[in-house]
Amino acid sequence: MFSIDIMSRQPIYEQIIEQLERYILSDLLKPGDQLPSVREMSVRLSINPNTIQKAYSELDHRGILCSVPGRGCFISENAVPILSEMRRKDIEKLEDLVYNLALAGVEKEKTISIVEKAYENIRGQSTNGKDGNHDKG
C-alpha cells in the first residue's frame, strides 16, 4: 500500500503523511480504521520506527489520527473534513503556481488541460475502484 522513494528530496515521514492523507481522501482508509503499528510499518517499509512515529505523531497533532494507548492509531472521525478543508486552502498555492506558469510562458490551454486531466483521473478512479494513487511505484 505504501511506497517510499528513498531518492526523493521529500523526507520519508512526509511521504508517509502524504500517502495516508491521499488514502483517506480517496476512501481507501475510512474513519475508525486501524493503522499498522509503528513496528509493523517499520518492518514493512524497512525504515526506522522513529520515522513512522514522527509521521503518526504529526497526523495525530493535525487531528487526522487518533492514538489510543495500548490499542494503536486509528483514522479520526474528523479526518475527511479536516483534510478537505486543508486542501481547499491549497487553492491559493495553485493560483500562485498558475501565475508563475503563465510568467514562464506555459500556455493557458496546457494548464487547463492538466487540471481537466486530474479531475478526469479522479472520476475514473471512483468508477473503476482504483486506489487514488497517481504516483509511480
Protein backbone atom coordinates (compact mmCIF):
# COMPACT_ATOMS: atom_id res chain seq x y z
CA MET A 1 0.00 0.00 0.00
CA PHE A 2 2.80 2.43 0.87
CA SER A 3 5.78 3.16 -1.31
CA ILE A 4 8.80 5.12 -0.18
CA ASP A 5 11.11 6.87 -2.60
CA ILE A 6 14.48 6.91 -0.85
CA MET A 7 15.89 9.08 -3.66
CA SER A 8 13.28 11.80 -3.12
CA ARG A 9 14.20 15.10 -1.54
CA GLN A 10 10.95 14.85 0.42
CA PRO A 11 11.57 13.39 3.90
CA ILE A 12 10.26 9.85 4.38
CA TYR A 13 7.89 10.84 7.18
CA GLU A 14 6.32 13.45 4.87
CA GLN A 15 5.90 10.80 2.14
CA ILE A 16 4.04 8.61 4.66
CA ILE A 17 1.84 11.53 5.74
CA GLU A 18 1.05 12.46 2.14
CA GLN A 19 0.14 8.89 1.22
CA LEU A 20 -2.03 8.38 4.31
CA GLU A 21 -3.87 11.63 3.58
CA ARG A 22 -4.43 10.56 -0.02
CA TYR A 23 -5.72 7.14 1.07
CA ILE A 24 -8.16 8.81 3.46
CA LEU A 25 -9.43 11.30 0.88
CA SER A 26 -9.80 8.55 -1.73
CA ASP A 27 -11.77 6.42 0.77
CA LEU A 28 -9.22 3.59 0.92
CA LEU A 29 -8.90 4.30 4.62
CA LYS A 30 -12.04 5.22 6.50
CA PRO A 31 -12.71 6.79 9.89
CA GLY A 32 -12.21 4.16 12.57
CA ASP A 33 -9.77 2.07 10.52
CA GLN A 34 -6.72 0.99 12.48
CA LEU A 35 -3.29 1.70 11.06
CA PRO A 36 -0.47 -0.83 11.23
CA SER A 37 1.64 -0.47 14.38
CA VAL A 38 4.80 1.59 14.25
CA ARG A 39 6.85 -1.59 14.46
CA GLU A 40 4.87 -3.33 11.72
CA MET A 41 5.17 -0.33 9.37
CA SER A 42 8.87 -0.06 10.16
CA VAL A 43 9.46 -3.68 9.18
CA ARG A 44 7.18 -3.49 6.16
CA LEU A 45 8.88 -0.38 4.76
CA SER A 46 12.39 -1.16 6.09
CA ILE A 47 12.71 2.22 7.76
CA ASN A 48 13.45 3.44 11.26
CA PRO A 49 10.49 3.19 13.66
CA ASN A 50 11.16 6.78 14.78
CA THR A 51 10.32 7.92 11.24
CA ILE A 52 6.95 6.15 11.38
CA GLN A 53 6.32 7.54 14.85
CA LYS A 54 7.08 11.07 13.60
CA ALA A 55 4.53 10.70 10.78
CA TYR A 56 1.88 9.24 13.10
CA SER A 57 2.50 11.94 15.72
CA GLU A 58 2.16 14.71 13.13
CA LEU A 59 -1.11 13.25 11.85
CA ASP A 60 -2.34 12.87 15.44
CA HIS A 61 -1.47 16.52 16.10
CA ARG A 62 -3.45 17.57 12.98
CA GLY A 63 -6.48 15.57 14.15
CA ILE A 64 -6.23 13.08 11.28
CA LEU A 65 -5.31 10.16 13.53
CA CYS A 66 -6.45 9.26 16.99
CA SER A 67 -3.91 7.46 19.16
CA VAL A 68 -5.35 5.08 21.74
CA PRO A 69 -2.77 3.97 24.32
CA GLY A 70 -2.34 0.21 24.27
CA ARG A 71 -4.53 -0.21 21.19
CA GLY A 72 -2.86 1.74 18.39
CA CYS A 73 -3.63 4.51 15.92
CA PHE A 74 -6.96 4.91 14.19
CA ILE A 75 -8.29 7.21 11.48
CA SER A 76 -10.15 10.05 13.20
CA GLU A 77 -13.86 10.56 12.64
CA ASN A 78 -13.00 14.12 11.56
CA ALA A 79 -10.17 13.15 9.18
CA VAL A 80 -12.04 13.75 5.92
CA PRO A 81 -13.45 17.18 6.85
CA ILE A 82 -10.07 18.28 8.22
CA LEU A 83 -8.21 17.13 5.10
CA SER A 84 -10.84 18.61 2.78
CA GLU A 85 -10.51 21.99 4.47
CA MET A 86 -6.70 21.80 4.27
CA ARG A 87 -6.91 21.06 0.54
CA ARG A 88 -9.34 23.91 -0.06
CA LYS A 89 -6.76 26.27 1.41
CA ASP A 90 -4.27 24.98 -1.19
CA ILE A 91 -6.18 26.91 -3.86
CA GLU A 92 -4.01 29.94 -3.07
CA LYS A 93 -0.90 27.88 -3.82
CA LEU A 94 -2.48 26.77 -7.08
CA GLU A 95 -3.18 30.38 -8.01
CA ASP A 96 0.47 31.28 -7.39
CA LEU A 97 1.65 28.26 -9.36
CA VAL A 98 -0.58 29.08 -12.33
CA TYR A 99 0.63 32.69 -12.25
CA ASN A 100 4.26 31.51 -12.33
CA LEU A 101 3.48 29.06 -15.14
CA ALA A 102 1.97 31.91 -17.14
CA LEU A 103 5.05 34.05 -16.50
CA ALA A 104 7.19 31.15 -17.72
CA GLY A 105 5.27 31.07 -20.97
CA VAL A 106 3.21 27.92 -20.39
CA GLU A 107 0.11 28.22 -22.50
CA LYS A 108 -3.23 28.65 -20.74
CA GLU A 109 -4.68 25.71 -22.68
CA LYS A 110 -1.90 23.41 -21.45
CA THR A 111 -2.54 24.36 -17.83
CA ILE A 112 -6.29 23.91 -18.24
CA SER A 113 -5.83 20.51 -19.89
CA ILE A 114 -3.70 19.32 -16.96
CA VAL A 115 -6.34 20.44 -14.46
CA GLU A 116 -9.06 18.72 -16.51
CA LYS A 117 -6.97 15.53 -16.70
CA ALA A 118 -6.61 15.49 -12.90
CA TYR A 119 -10.38 15.73 -12.48
CA GLU A 120 -10.93 13.02 -15.10
CA ASN A 121 -8.50 10.75 -13.24
CA ILE A 122 -10.46 11.24 -10.03
CA ARG A 123 -13.74 10.40 -11.81
CA GLY A 124 -12.11 7.34 -13.38
CA GLN A 125 -10.80 6.15 -10.02
CA SER A 126 -14.19 6.44 -8.38
CA THR A 127 -15.84 4.43 -11.15
CA ASN A 128 -13.03 1.90 -11.61
CA GLY A 129 -12.25 1.39 -7.94
CA LYS A 130 -8.64 2.50 -8.29
CA ASP A 131 -6.64 3.34 -5.19
CA GLY A 132 -6.32 7.06 -5.81
CA ASN A 133 -2.54 6.91 -6.04
CA HIS A 134 -1.42 8.50 -9.27
CA ASP A 135 2.27 8.18 -8.44
CA LYS A 136 4.56 5.63 -9.98
CA GLY A 137 5.51 2.66 -7.86
